[in-house]
Each structure stands twice: as structure tokens, then as C-alpha cells.
Amino acid sequence: ETIIEGVLPSIGTNTNTESSSTGIDSRAARLQLDDASSIKAAVAIARKAGLRLTAGTKWDTIVKQREELLVEELIIVDTKEALDECGLGSIQRAFESMKAVYIEGMSMASHPGLSRAAVENSMKTFYGSLYDMPFPDYEGIKDPVLRKHARTKLAKNVADVYGELYGILRGDDDDGHDGADCYGDLSFLEHTPEAVATLLSS
């Protein structure tokens, strides 16, 4: 038990199952997930060697909770990276910054990063990535349930961002923004959010 407790800091946790990491980066999260898998294997071996049932259950619970936290942190980081690589990240940030300074009557197209050319180019890049999205395979996540969860949630996160941007551009939100008034022809919006969600989840 002492040996197992001694290696727990390598996955950023302690015996109280509290997360010790905030703002973890992708590489660190993946390394800690590798360490968590090694600790789980060590606990399994220790069980066979006579580790008390209560102790084994305790360590399994601690490591599982930490794995789940690490996966969620990894998804957040990977979502941001995927959005940047597929073209949506830049206009998402531009819309967020616009919301902070928006006043009634303000044109979306006048805000930095939201010109028609910028938005159209971002969407073109995104659509070009749809059939080969820059998503990690998460093969480093040994738990098949967590691995499937990471893949599913990452795809959903990106689809949700597209749906939000699509709604803003079409004027479907309640914020008074209407892309048709700013950009005129919205034919550069080639896919509905539902179609994108289906493509990304396949």
C-alpha cells in the first residue's frame, strides 16, 4: 500500500481523491493517463499478491476518479486545438469578443475577424476538414468506456460550436445579430448543424 500511495502524485492526485492540477496541458494529461494505467496494473498485481480487498478497492476508486478528471481536462484542451485547426476557433473567439462590446445596430462584419472574407474562409476550411477532422484517436486511454466518451464528447463539442456559429450567422439567436443583414448571401453556410453533427459522430 505504501508503494502505491507513493506513486499517486504522478497522476496529480492524493489519497483524498482531490485533483491537484488546473489548466493541465494535453501532453501532461496524456502522460498522467499512462501513469494511471500503470498504477491500475500494479494494483491488480498487488491484489493477487495478497493486497487487502478494502485497500484494493480504495486505490481503484482513487485512480478511476482521477482518470475521469484527466479525460475531461484532455477533452477541453483537444476541443480548443481541433477548433483552431479546422477553422472555427478564430471566428468563435471573434464572436466572443464582439459580444463584449456589442451595441444595438452594430454590424457583425465590422468587428475584427468577422469580415465576410474571414468568416467565409473559416467555414471553407471547416467544411474541408469535415471528412478528416483533426481529432486524436485517444488510443492512449486504456479504459474503453472513457475512450469512447472522449471521442464522442470531442465530436459533440465541435458540432455544438458550429451550431452556435451557424445560428448567429443566420440570425437564429436572440441577440439581435443577423448575418443576412451583414453578409447578404449566406450560401457559404453549406451544412446545417444537424448534418454536421451526424458527420462528426459517424
N, C-alpha and C. Protein backbone atom coordinates (compact mmCIF):
# COMPACT_ATOMS: atom_id res chain seq x y z
N GLU A 1 0.82 -1.20 0.00
CA GLU A 1 0.00 0.00 0.00
C GLU A 1 0.86 1.26 0.00
N THR A 2 1.96 1.21 0.75
CA THR A 2 2.84 2.37 0.83
C THR A 2 3.42 2.70 -0.53
N ILE A 3 3.78 1.67 -1.29
CA ILE A 3 4.36 1.88 -2.62
C ILE A 3 3.33 2.53 -3.55
N ILE A 4 2.10 2.03 -3.51
CA ILE A 4 1.06 2.59 -4.37
C ILE A 4 0.78 4.03 -3.99
N GLU A 5 0.67 4.30 -2.69
CA GLU A 5 0.42 5.66 -2.25
C GLU A 5 1.54 6.60 -2.68
N GLY A 6 2.75 6.09 -2.72
CA GLY A 6 3.90 6.91 -3.09
C GLY A 6 3.91 7.34 -4.54
N VAL A 7 3.26 6.56 -5.42
CA VAL A 7 3.28 6.92 -6.85
C VAL A 7 2.04 7.70 -7.27
N LEU A 8 1.06 7.86 -6.38
CA LEU A 8 -0.16 8.59 -6.74
C LEU A 8 0.10 10.03 -7.19
N PRO A 9 1.09 10.74 -6.60
CA PRO A 9 1.33 12.10 -7.08
C PRO A 9 1.66 12.19 -8.57
N SER A 10 2.11 11.09 -9.16
CA SER A 10 2.45 11.12 -10.59
C SER A 10 1.22 11.30 -11.47
N ILE A 11 0.03 11.06 -10.90
CA ILE A 11 -1.19 11.30 -11.68
C ILE A 11 -1.95 12.49 -11.11
N GLY A 12 -1.26 13.30 -10.32
CA GLY A 12 -1.83 14.56 -9.86
C GLY A 12 -2.94 14.41 -8.86
N THR A 13 -2.88 13.40 -8.01
CA THR A 13 -3.93 13.21 -7.03
C THR A 13 -3.32 12.85 -5.69
N ASN A 14 -4.17 12.73 -4.68
CA ASN A 14 -3.71 12.27 -3.37
C ASN A 14 -4.73 11.31 -2.79
N THR A 15 -4.52 10.85 -1.59
CA THR A 15 -5.39 9.83 -1.03
C THR A 15 -6.79 10.34 -0.72
N ASN A 16 -7.03 11.66 -0.84
CA ASN A 16 -8.36 12.21 -0.65
C ASN A 16 -9.08 12.40 -1.97
N THR A 17 -8.48 11.91 -3.07
CA THR A 17 -9.04 11.94 -4.43
C THR A 17 -9.26 13.35 -4.92
N GLU A 18 -8.50 14.31 -4.42
CA GLU A 18 -8.65 15.68 -4.90
C GLU A 18 -7.72 15.91 -6.07
N SER A 19 -8.21 16.60 -7.08
CA SER A 19 -7.37 16.92 -8.23
C SER A 19 -6.39 18.01 -7.85
N SER A 20 -5.12 17.82 -8.21
CA SER A 20 -4.12 18.84 -7.90
C SER A 20 -3.72 19.64 -9.10
N SER A 21 -4.34 19.37 -10.25
CA SER A 21 -3.96 20.09 -11.46
C SER A 21 -5.07 21.00 -11.92
N THR A 22 -4.68 22.15 -12.39
CA THR A 22 -5.62 23.08 -13.01
C THR A 22 -4.97 23.60 -14.27
N GLY A 23 -5.75 23.64 -15.34
CA GLY A 23 -5.19 24.12 -16.58
C GLY A 23 -4.13 23.20 -17.14
N ILE A 24 -4.30 21.91 -16.97
CA ILE A 24 -3.31 20.95 -17.43
C ILE A 24 -3.24 20.97 -18.95
N ASP A 25 -2.03 20.74 -19.50
CA ASP A 25 -1.93 20.73 -20.95
C ASP A 25 -2.11 19.31 -21.48
N SER A 26 -2.25 19.21 -22.80
CA SER A 26 -2.56 17.94 -23.43
C SER A 26 -1.48 16.89 -23.15
N ARG A 27 -0.24 17.27 -23.28
CA ARG A 27 0.86 16.31 -23.09
C ARG A 27 0.89 15.80 -21.66
N ALA A 28 0.73 16.71 -20.69
CA ALA A 28 0.77 16.32 -19.28
C ALA A 28 -0.40 15.38 -18.96
N ALA A 29 -1.58 15.69 -19.49
CA ALA A 29 -2.74 14.84 -19.24
C ALA A 29 -2.52 13.44 -19.79
N ARG A 30 -1.95 13.35 -20.99
CA ARG A 30 -1.72 12.04 -21.59
C ARG A 30 -0.67 11.24 -20.81
N LEU A 31 0.35 11.93 -20.32
CA LEU A 31 1.37 11.25 -19.52
C LEU A 31 0.77 10.74 -18.21
N GLN A 32 -0.09 11.55 -17.60
CA GLN A 32 -0.70 11.14 -16.35
C GLN A 32 -1.68 9.98 -16.57
N LEU A 33 -2.35 9.96 -17.72
CA LEU A 33 -3.22 8.84 -18.03
C LEU A 33 -2.42 7.55 -18.19
N ASP A 34 -1.24 7.66 -18.80
CA ASP A 34 -0.35 6.49 -18.91
C ASP A 34 0.04 6.00 -17.53
N ASP A 35 0.38 6.95 -16.65
CA ASP A 35 0.76 6.57 -15.29
C ASP A 35 -0.41 5.93 -14.55
N ALA A 36 -1.60 6.45 -14.78
CA ALA A 36 -2.79 5.88 -14.12
C ALA A 36 -3.00 4.43 -14.54
N SER A 37 -2.78 4.15 -15.83
CA SER A 37 -2.92 2.77 -16.32
C SER A 37 -1.90 1.86 -15.66
N SER A 38 -0.69 2.38 -15.47
CA SER A 38 0.36 1.59 -14.83
C SER A 38 0.02 1.31 -13.37
N ILE A 39 -0.55 2.31 -12.69
CA ILE A 39 -0.93 2.12 -11.29
C ILE A 39 -2.06 1.10 -11.17
N LYS A 40 -3.02 1.17 -12.09
CA LYS A 40 -4.11 0.19 -12.08
C LYS A 40 -3.56 -1.23 -12.25
N ALA A 41 -2.59 -1.37 -13.14
CA ALA A 41 -1.98 -2.69 -13.35
C ALA A 41 -1.24 -3.14 -12.09
N ALA A 42 -0.58 -2.19 -11.42
CA ALA A 42 0.14 -2.52 -10.19
C ALA A 42 -0.81 -2.95 -9.09
N VAL A 43 -1.97 -2.28 -9.00
CA VAL A 43 -2.97 -2.65 -8.00
C VAL A 43 -3.49 -4.06 -8.28
N ALA A 44 -3.71 -4.39 -9.55
CA ALA A 44 -4.19 -5.73 -9.92
C ALA A 44 -3.18 -6.80 -9.50
N ILE A 45 -1.90 -6.51 -9.73
CA ILE A 45 -0.86 -7.45 -9.33
C ILE A 45 -0.80 -7.58 -7.81
N ALA A 46 -0.93 -6.43 -7.13
CA ALA A 46 -0.90 -6.43 -5.66
C ALA A 46 -2.06 -7.23 -5.08
N ARG A 47 -3.21 -7.17 -5.75
CA ARG A 47 -4.36 -7.96 -5.28
C ARG A 47 -4.02 -9.45 -5.29
N LYS A 48 -3.40 -9.89 -6.37
CA LYS A 48 -3.03 -11.30 -6.48
C LYS A 48 -1.98 -11.68 -5.45
N ALA A 49 -1.20 -10.70 -5.03
CA ALA A 49 -0.13 -10.97 -4.05
C ALA A 49 -0.62 -10.84 -2.61
N GLY A 50 -1.93 -10.55 -2.44
CA GLY A 50 -2.47 -10.52 -1.09
C GLY A 50 -2.91 -9.17 -0.58
N LEU A 51 -2.96 -8.16 -1.44
CA LEU A 51 -3.44 -6.84 -1.00
C LEU A 51 -4.86 -6.96 -0.48
N ARG A 52 -5.11 -6.33 0.67
CA ARG A 52 -6.44 -6.39 1.26
C ARG A 52 -7.51 -5.87 0.30
N LEU A 53 -8.67 -6.49 0.31
CA LEU A 53 -9.75 -6.13 -0.60
C LEU A 53 -10.13 -4.66 -0.43
N THR A 54 -10.25 -4.22 0.80
CA THR A 54 -10.64 -2.83 1.03
C THR A 54 -9.61 -1.85 0.49
N ALA A 55 -8.33 -2.21 0.63
CA ALA A 55 -7.27 -1.34 0.13
C ALA A 55 -7.28 -1.30 -1.40
N GLY A 56 -7.46 -2.47 -2.01
CA GLY A 56 -7.50 -2.52 -3.47
C GLY A 56 -8.66 -1.71 -4.03
N THR A 57 -9.82 -1.82 -3.39
CA THR A 57 -10.99 -1.05 -3.82
C THR A 57 -10.74 0.45 -3.68
N LYS A 58 -10.08 0.81 -2.58
CA LYS A 58 -9.78 2.22 -2.34
C LYS A 58 -8.90 2.78 -3.44
N TRP A 59 -7.82 2.09 -3.78
CA TRP A 59 -6.90 2.60 -4.80
C TRP A 59 -7.55 2.60 -6.19
N ASP A 60 -8.34 1.57 -6.47
CA ASP A 60 -9.05 1.54 -7.76
C ASP A 60 -9.97 2.75 -7.90
N THR A 61 -10.67 3.08 -6.83
CA THR A 61 -11.60 4.21 -6.86
C THR A 61 -10.86 5.53 -7.07
N ILE A 62 -9.76 5.70 -6.34
CA ILE A 62 -8.96 6.92 -6.45
C ILE A 62 -8.45 7.09 -7.88
N VAL A 63 -7.87 6.03 -8.43
CA VAL A 63 -7.29 6.11 -9.77
C VAL A 63 -8.38 6.32 -10.82
N LYS A 64 -9.52 5.66 -10.67
CA LYS A 64 -10.61 5.81 -11.64
C LYS A 64 -11.13 7.24 -11.64
N GLN A 65 -11.30 7.82 -10.46
CA GLN A 65 -11.78 9.19 -10.38
C GLN A 65 -10.80 10.15 -11.05
N ARG A 66 -9.52 9.89 -10.83
CA ARG A 66 -8.51 10.77 -11.42
C ARG A 66 -8.47 10.59 -12.94
N GLU A 67 -8.62 9.37 -13.40
CA GLU A 67 -8.68 9.12 -14.85
C GLU A 67 -9.82 9.91 -15.48
N GLU A 68 -10.97 9.87 -14.85
CA GLU A 68 -12.13 10.58 -15.39
C GLU A 68 -11.89 12.08 -15.46
N LEU A 69 -11.26 12.63 -14.42
CA LEU A 69 -10.95 14.06 -14.42
C LEU A 69 -9.95 14.41 -15.52
N LEU A 70 -8.94 13.56 -15.67
CA LEU A 70 -7.92 13.81 -16.69
C LEU A 70 -8.53 13.77 -18.09
N VAL A 71 -9.43 12.83 -18.32
CA VAL A 71 -10.07 12.73 -19.63
C VAL A 71 -10.89 13.98 -19.92
N GLU A 72 -11.61 14.49 -18.93
CA GLU A 72 -12.39 15.70 -19.13
C GLU A 72 -11.48 16.90 -19.43
N GLU A 73 -10.36 16.99 -18.72
CA GLU A 73 -9.42 18.08 -18.97
C GLU A 73 -8.81 17.96 -20.37
N LEU A 74 -8.54 16.72 -20.77
CA LEU A 74 -7.97 16.47 -22.09
C LEU A 74 -8.96 16.86 -23.19
N ILE A 75 -10.23 16.56 -22.99
CA ILE A 75 -11.25 16.90 -23.98
C ILE A 75 -11.33 18.41 -24.18
N ILE A 76 -11.24 19.15 -23.08
CA ILE A 76 -11.29 20.62 -23.17
C ILE A 76 -10.13 21.14 -24.02
N VAL A 77 -8.93 20.64 -23.74
CA VAL A 77 -7.75 21.08 -24.48
C VAL A 77 -7.85 20.67 -25.95
N ASP A 78 -8.26 19.42 -26.18
CA ASP A 78 -8.34 18.92 -27.55
C ASP A 78 -9.45 19.61 -28.35
N THR A 79 -10.51 20.02 -27.68
CA THR A 79 -11.58 20.76 -28.37
C THR A 79 -11.04 22.08 -28.90
N LYS A 80 -10.32 22.78 -28.06
CA LYS A 80 -9.75 24.07 -28.48
C LYS A 80 -8.78 23.87 -29.65
N GLU A 81 -7.93 22.86 -29.56
CA GLU A 81 -6.96 22.61 -30.63
C GLU A 81 -7.67 22.22 -31.92
N ALA A 82 -8.70 21.38 -31.82
CA ALA A 82 -9.44 20.95 -33.01
C ALA A 82 -10.14 22.12 -33.67
N LEU A 83 -10.75 23.00 -32.86
CA LEU A 83 -11.43 24.17 -33.41
C LEU A 83 -10.45 25.08 -34.14
N ASP A 84 -9.27 25.25 -33.58
CA ASP A 84 -8.27 26.09 -34.23
C ASP A 84 -7.80 25.48 -35.55
N GLU A 85 -7.61 24.17 -35.55
CA GLU A 85 -7.10 23.50 -36.75
C GLU A 85 -8.14 23.42 -37.86
N CYS A 86 -9.41 23.30 -37.47
CA CYS A 86 -10.45 23.13 -38.51
C CYS A 86 -11.04 24.45 -38.97
N GLY A 87 -10.62 25.57 -38.38
CA GLY A 87 -11.04 26.87 -38.88
C GLY A 87 -12.08 27.61 -38.05
N LEU A 88 -12.72 26.92 -37.09
CA LEU A 88 -13.79 27.57 -36.34
C LEU A 88 -13.29 28.39 -35.14
N GLY A 89 -12.09 28.07 -34.67
CA GLY A 89 -11.59 28.72 -33.47
C GLY A 89 -11.48 30.23 -33.59
N SER A 90 -11.01 30.70 -34.72
CA SER A 90 -10.78 32.14 -34.90
C SER A 90 -12.09 32.92 -34.89
N ILE A 91 -13.12 32.42 -35.60
CA ILE A 91 -14.37 33.18 -35.62
C ILE A 91 -15.15 33.00 -34.32
N GLN A 92 -14.96 31.87 -33.63
CA GLN A 92 -15.58 31.72 -32.32
C GLN A 92 -15.05 32.79 -31.36
N ARG A 93 -13.74 32.98 -31.36
CA ARG A 93 -13.15 34.00 -30.48
C ARG A 93 -13.58 35.40 -30.90
N ALA A 94 -13.69 35.62 -32.21
CA ALA A 94 -14.11 36.93 -32.70
C ALA A 94 -15.53 37.23 -32.25
N PHE A 95 -16.42 36.23 -32.32
CA PHE A 95 -17.79 36.44 -31.87
C PHE A 95 -17.84 36.70 -30.37
N GLU A 96 -17.02 35.98 -29.61
CA GLU A 96 -17.00 36.19 -28.16
C GLU A 96 -16.54 37.60 -27.82
N SER A 97 -15.52 38.07 -28.53
CA SER A 97 -15.04 39.42 -28.26
C SER A 97 -16.05 40.48 -28.70
N MET A 98 -16.79 40.16 -29.78
CA MET A 98 -17.81 41.09 -30.24
C MET A 98 -18.94 41.24 -29.22
N LYS A 99 -19.31 40.13 -28.59
CA LYS A 99 -20.40 40.16 -27.60
C LYS A 99 -20.06 41.10 -26.45
N ALA A 100 -18.77 41.20 -26.15
CA ALA A 100 -18.35 42.03 -25.02
C ALA A 100 -18.49 43.53 -25.32
N VAL A 101 -18.50 43.88 -26.61
CA VAL A 101 -18.55 45.31 -26.96
C VAL A 101 -19.77 45.65 -27.81
N TYR A 102 -20.64 44.68 -28.00
CA TYR A 102 -21.78 44.88 -28.92
C TYR A 102 -22.74 45.95 -28.42
N ILE A 103 -23.15 46.79 -29.34
CA ILE A 103 -24.21 47.76 -29.08
C ILE A 103 -25.23 47.64 -30.20
N GLU A 104 -26.46 47.99 -29.91
CA GLU A 104 -27.54 47.84 -30.89
C GLU A 104 -27.21 48.60 -32.17
N GLY A 105 -27.39 47.89 -33.27
CA GLY A 105 -27.13 48.50 -34.57
C GLY A 105 -25.73 48.21 -35.09
N MET A 106 -24.90 47.62 -34.26
CA MET A 106 -23.53 47.31 -34.67
C MET A 106 -23.54 46.17 -35.68
N SER A 107 -22.76 46.29 -36.72
CA SER A 107 -22.68 45.25 -37.75
C SER A 107 -21.62 44.22 -37.37
N MET A 108 -21.98 42.95 -37.46
CA MET A 108 -21.01 41.89 -37.18
C MET A 108 -19.80 42.01 -38.09
N ALA A 109 -20.05 42.31 -39.35
CA ALA A 109 -18.98 42.34 -40.35
C ALA A 109 -17.95 43.42 -40.08
N SER A 110 -18.29 44.40 -39.23
CA SER A 110 -17.36 45.47 -38.93
C SER A 110 -16.40 45.11 -37.80
N HIS A 111 -16.70 44.00 -37.12
CA HIS A 111 -15.85 43.61 -35.99
C HIS A 111 -14.61 42.87 -36.51
N PRO A 112 -13.45 43.12 -35.91
CA PRO A 112 -12.21 42.44 -36.34
C PRO A 112 -12.38 40.92 -36.33
N GLY A 113 -12.02 40.31 -37.44
CA GLY A 113 -12.10 38.86 -37.56
C GLY A 113 -13.43 38.35 -38.06
N LEU A 114 -14.39 39.26 -38.30
CA LEU A 114 -15.72 38.83 -38.74
C LEU A 114 -16.13 39.43 -40.08
N SER A 115 -15.17 39.84 -40.85
CA SER A 115 -15.49 40.30 -42.20
C SER A 115 -16.04 39.11 -42.99
N ARG A 116 -16.74 39.41 -44.07
CA ARG A 116 -17.29 38.30 -44.87
C ARG A 116 -16.18 37.36 -45.31
N ALA A 117 -15.06 37.92 -45.75
CA ALA A 117 -13.96 37.09 -46.23
C ALA A 117 -13.43 36.18 -45.12
N ALA A 118 -13.30 36.74 -43.90
CA ALA A 118 -12.77 35.95 -42.78
C ALA A 118 -13.71 34.82 -42.41
N VAL A 119 -15.01 35.13 -42.34
CA VAL A 119 -15.99 34.11 -41.97
C VAL A 119 -16.10 33.05 -43.06
N GLU A 120 -16.16 33.49 -44.30
CA GLU A 120 -16.28 32.54 -45.41
C GLU A 120 -15.07 31.62 -45.50
N ASN A 121 -13.88 32.17 -45.30
CA ASN A 121 -12.66 31.36 -45.34
C ASN A 121 -12.64 30.35 -44.20
N SER A 122 -13.08 30.77 -43.03
CA SER A 122 -13.12 29.86 -41.87
C SER A 122 -14.08 28.70 -42.14
N MET A 123 -15.24 29.02 -42.67
CA MET A 123 -16.21 27.97 -42.97
C MET A 123 -15.70 27.04 -44.07
N LYS A 124 -15.02 27.60 -45.04
CA LYS A 124 -14.47 26.78 -46.11
C LYS A 124 -13.44 25.80 -45.55
N THR A 125 -12.60 26.29 -44.65
CA THR A 125 -11.61 25.42 -44.01
C THR A 125 -12.30 24.32 -43.20
N PHE A 126 -13.35 24.70 -42.48
CA PHE A 126 -14.07 23.73 -41.66
C PHE A 126 -14.70 22.64 -42.53
N TYR A 127 -15.40 23.04 -43.58
CA TYR A 127 -16.05 22.05 -44.43
C TYR A 127 -15.02 21.14 -45.10
N GLY A 128 -13.85 21.70 -45.40
CA GLY A 128 -12.80 20.87 -45.99
C GLY A 128 -12.23 19.86 -45.02
N SER A 129 -12.47 20.08 -43.71
CA SER A 129 -11.96 19.18 -42.68
C SER A 129 -12.98 18.15 -42.23
N LEU A 130 -14.23 18.32 -42.66
CA LEU A 130 -15.31 17.51 -42.11
C LEU A 130 -15.09 16.00 -42.23
N TYR A 131 -14.50 15.58 -43.33
CA TYR A 131 -14.33 14.15 -43.55
C TYR A 131 -12.96 13.65 -43.07
N ASP A 132 -12.19 14.55 -42.50
CA ASP A 132 -10.89 14.17 -41.95
C ASP A 132 -10.54 15.14 -40.83
N MET A 133 -11.38 15.14 -39.81
CA MET A 133 -11.20 16.09 -38.72
C MET A 133 -9.92 15.80 -37.94
N PRO A 134 -9.28 16.86 -37.45
CA PRO A 134 -8.03 16.69 -36.70
C PRO A 134 -8.29 16.24 -35.26
N PHE A 135 -8.97 15.10 -35.12
CA PHE A 135 -9.28 14.57 -33.80
C PHE A 135 -8.24 13.52 -33.40
N PRO A 136 -7.81 13.53 -32.15
CA PRO A 136 -6.93 12.46 -31.68
C PRO A 136 -7.71 11.15 -31.61
N ASP A 137 -7.01 10.02 -31.70
CA ASP A 137 -7.71 8.73 -31.65
C ASP A 137 -7.95 8.25 -30.22
N TYR A 138 -7.28 8.88 -29.27
CA TYR A 138 -7.42 8.54 -27.85
C TYR A 138 -7.05 7.09 -27.54
N GLU A 139 -6.21 6.51 -28.36
CA GLU A 139 -5.78 5.14 -28.10
C GLU A 139 -5.00 5.04 -26.79
N GLY A 140 -4.47 6.18 -26.33
CA GLY A 140 -3.73 6.17 -25.07
C GLY A 140 -4.63 6.00 -23.86
N ILE A 141 -5.93 6.18 -24.04
CA ILE A 141 -6.88 5.97 -22.94
C ILE A 141 -7.22 4.48 -22.94
N LYS A 142 -6.75 3.77 -21.94
CA LYS A 142 -6.89 2.31 -21.93
C LYS A 142 -8.31 1.85 -21.62
N ASP A 143 -9.02 2.61 -20.82
CA ASP A 143 -10.39 2.25 -20.48
C ASP A 143 -11.28 2.48 -21.70
N PRO A 144 -11.88 1.42 -22.27
CA PRO A 144 -12.67 1.58 -23.50
C PRO A 144 -13.89 2.48 -23.33
N VAL A 145 -14.48 2.50 -22.14
CA VAL A 145 -15.64 3.36 -21.90
C VAL A 145 -15.21 4.83 -21.91
N LEU A 146 -14.11 5.14 -21.24
CA LEU A 146 -13.60 6.51 -21.22
C LEU A 146 -13.12 6.94 -22.61
N ARG A 147 -12.51 6.00 -23.33
CA ARG A 147 -12.03 6.31 -24.69
C ARG A 147 -13.20 6.67 -25.61
N LYS A 148 -14.26 5.89 -25.55
CA LYS A 148 -15.44 6.19 -26.37
C LYS A 148 -16.06 7.51 -25.95
N HIS A 149 -16.10 7.76 -24.65
CA HIS A 149 -16.66 9.01 -24.13
C HIS A 149 -15.88 10.20 -24.66
N ALA A 150 -14.54 10.10 -24.65
CA ALA A 150 -13.70 11.20 -25.12
C ALA A 150 -13.95 11.49 -26.60
N ARG A 151 -14.00 10.44 -27.41
CA ARG A 151 -14.24 10.62 -28.84
C ARG A 151 -15.60 11.25 -29.10
N THR A 152 -16.61 10.74 -28.40
CA THR A 152 -17.98 11.23 -28.60
C THR A 152 -18.12 12.68 -28.16
N LYS A 153 -17.57 13.00 -26.99
CA LYS A 153 -17.73 14.35 -26.46
C LYS A 153 -16.95 15.37 -27.27
N LEU A 154 -15.76 15.02 -27.74
CA LEU A 154 -14.99 15.94 -28.57
C LEU A 154 -15.76 16.29 -29.84
N ALA A 155 -16.30 15.26 -30.50
CA ALA A 155 -17.09 15.49 -31.71
C ALA A 155 -18.30 16.36 -31.42
N LYS A 156 -18.97 16.09 -30.30
CA LYS A 156 -20.15 16.88 -29.94
C LYS A 156 -19.77 18.33 -29.64
N ASN A 157 -18.64 18.54 -28.96
CA ASN A 157 -18.21 19.90 -28.65
C ASN A 157 -18.01 20.73 -29.91
N VAL A 158 -17.34 20.13 -30.90
CA VAL A 158 -17.08 20.84 -32.15
C VAL A 158 -18.40 21.08 -32.90
N ALA A 159 -19.26 20.08 -32.93
CA ALA A 159 -20.56 20.24 -33.59
C ALA A 159 -21.39 21.33 -32.91
N ASP A 160 -21.32 21.39 -31.59
CA ASP A 160 -22.07 22.41 -30.85
C ASP A 160 -21.58 23.83 -31.17
N VAL A 161 -20.27 23.98 -31.29
CA VAL A 161 -19.71 25.29 -31.63
C VAL A 161 -20.16 25.69 -33.04
N TYR A 162 -20.10 24.74 -33.97
CA TYR A 162 -20.57 25.04 -35.32
C TYR A 162 -22.04 25.45 -35.29
N GLY A 163 -22.85 24.71 -34.53
CA GLY A 163 -24.27 25.03 -34.45
C GLY A 163 -24.51 26.43 -33.89
N GLU A 164 -23.73 26.80 -32.89
CA GLU A 164 -23.86 28.14 -32.31
C GLU A 164 -23.49 29.22 -33.33
N LEU A 165 -22.38 29.02 -34.03
CA LEU A 165 -21.95 30.00 -35.02
C LEU A 165 -22.94 30.07 -36.18
N TYR A 166 -23.42 28.93 -36.58
CA TYR A 166 -24.42 28.87 -37.67
C TYR A 166 -25.66 29.67 -37.28
N GLY A 167 -26.13 29.49 -36.04
CA GLY A 167 -27.30 30.21 -35.58
C GLY A 167 -27.09 31.71 -35.53
N ILE A 168 -25.92 32.12 -35.08
CA ILE A 168 -25.61 33.55 -35.02
C ILE A 168 -25.60 34.15 -36.43
N LEU A 169 -24.95 33.46 -37.35
CA LEU A 169 -24.83 33.97 -38.71
C LEU A 169 -26.18 34.06 -39.41
N ARG A 170 -27.06 33.14 -39.10
CA ARG A 170 -28.39 33.14 -39.73
C ARG A 170 -29.39 34.02 -38.98
N GLY A 171 -28.96 34.55 -37.84
CA GLY A 171 -29.87 35.38 -37.06
C GLY A 171 -30.87 34.58 -36.28
N ASP A 172 -30.54 33.33 -35.96
CA ASP A 172 -31.48 32.46 -35.24
C ASP A 172 -31.43 32.67 -33.73
N ASP A 173 -30.42 33.43 -33.25
CA ASP A 173 -30.33 33.65 -31.81
C ASP A 173 -31.19 34.85 -31.40
N ASP A 174 -31.15 35.18 -30.14
CA ASP A 174 -31.98 36.28 -29.63
C ASP A 174 -31.16 37.52 -29.30
N ASP A 175 -29.97 37.61 -29.87
CA ASP A 175 -29.08 38.73 -29.52
C ASP A 175 -29.16 39.90 -30.48
N GLY A 176 -30.02 39.78 -31.47
CA GLY A 176 -30.15 40.88 -32.41
C GLY A 176 -29.14 40.84 -33.55
N HIS A 177 -28.34 39.77 -33.60
CA HIS A 177 -27.37 39.63 -34.69
C HIS A 177 -28.04 38.96 -35.87
N ASP A 178 -27.78 39.43 -37.04
CA ASP A 178 -28.36 38.82 -38.24
C ASP A 178 -27.33 38.87 -39.35
N GLY A 179 -26.74 37.68 -39.63
CA GLY A 179 -25.71 37.61 -40.65
C GLY A 179 -26.20 37.98 -42.02
N ALA A 180 -27.49 37.72 -42.30
CA ALA A 180 -28.03 38.04 -43.62
C ALA A 180 -27.97 39.54 -43.87
N ASP A 181 -28.20 40.34 -42.82
CA ASP A 181 -28.12 41.79 -42.96
C ASP A 181 -26.69 42.26 -43.18
N CYS A 182 -25.73 41.53 -42.58
CA CYS A 182 -24.32 41.94 -42.67
C CYS A 182 -23.64 41.42 -43.93
N TYR A 183 -23.93 40.16 -44.24
CA TYR A 183 -23.19 39.50 -45.32
C TYR A 183 -24.01 39.28 -46.58
N GLY A 184 -25.32 39.50 -46.49
CA GLY A 184 -26.15 39.25 -47.66
C GLY A 184 -26.29 37.77 -47.92
N ASP A 185 -25.73 37.31 -48.98
CA ASP A 185 -25.79 35.90 -49.38
C ASP A 185 -25.07 35.03 -48.35
N LEU A 186 -25.79 34.07 -47.78
CA LEU A 186 -25.19 33.16 -46.80
C LEU A 186 -24.97 31.76 -47.38
N SER A 187 -24.80 31.70 -48.68
CA SER A 187 -24.63 30.40 -49.32
C SER A 187 -23.35 29.70 -48.89
N PHE A 188 -22.43 30.43 -48.24
CA PHE A 188 -21.20 29.78 -47.78
C PHE A 188 -21.47 28.87 -46.58
N LEU A 189 -22.69 28.95 -46.01
CA LEU A 189 -23.08 28.01 -44.96
C LEU A 189 -23.64 26.77 -45.64
N GLU A 190 -22.77 25.82 -45.91
CA GLU A 190 -23.12 24.69 -46.76
C GLU A 190 -23.89 23.58 -46.04
N HIS A 191 -23.70 23.46 -44.73
CA HIS A 191 -24.31 22.35 -44.00
C HIS A 191 -25.08 22.84 -42.78
N THR A 192 -26.19 22.20 -42.49
CA THR A 192 -26.94 22.50 -41.28
C THR A 192 -26.20 21.92 -40.07
N PRO A 193 -26.48 22.44 -38.89
CA PRO A 193 -25.85 21.87 -37.69
C PRO A 193 -26.17 20.38 -37.52
N GLU A 194 -27.37 19.99 -37.89
CA GLU A 194 -27.74 18.57 -37.77
C GLU A 194 -26.89 17.69 -38.67
N ALA A 195 -26.64 18.18 -39.90
CA ALA A 195 -25.81 17.41 -40.83
C ALA A 195 -24.38 17.30 -40.33
N VAL A 196 -23.87 18.40 -39.77
CA VAL A 196 -22.50 18.40 -39.24
C VAL A 196 -22.40 17.45 -38.05
N ALA A 197 -23.39 17.49 -37.17
CA ALA A 197 -23.38 16.61 -36.01
C ALA A 197 -23.37 15.14 -36.44
N THR A 198 -24.13 14.83 -37.47
CA THR A 198 -24.19 13.46 -37.97
C THR A 198 -22.85 13.04 -38.56
N LEU A 199 -22.25 13.92 -39.35
CA LEU A 199 -20.96 13.62 -39.97
C LEU A 199 -19.86 13.42 -38.92
N LEU A 200 -19.85 14.27 -37.90
CA LEU A 200 -18.80 14.18 -36.89
C LEU A 200 -18.97 13.00 -35.95
N SER A 201 -20.19 12.54 -35.81
CA SER A 201 -20.44 11.41 -34.91
C SER A 201 -20.29 10.07 -35.59
N SER A 202 -20.11 10.07 -36.89
CA SER A 202 -20.02 8.80 -37.62
C SER A 202 -18.62 8.21 -37.54
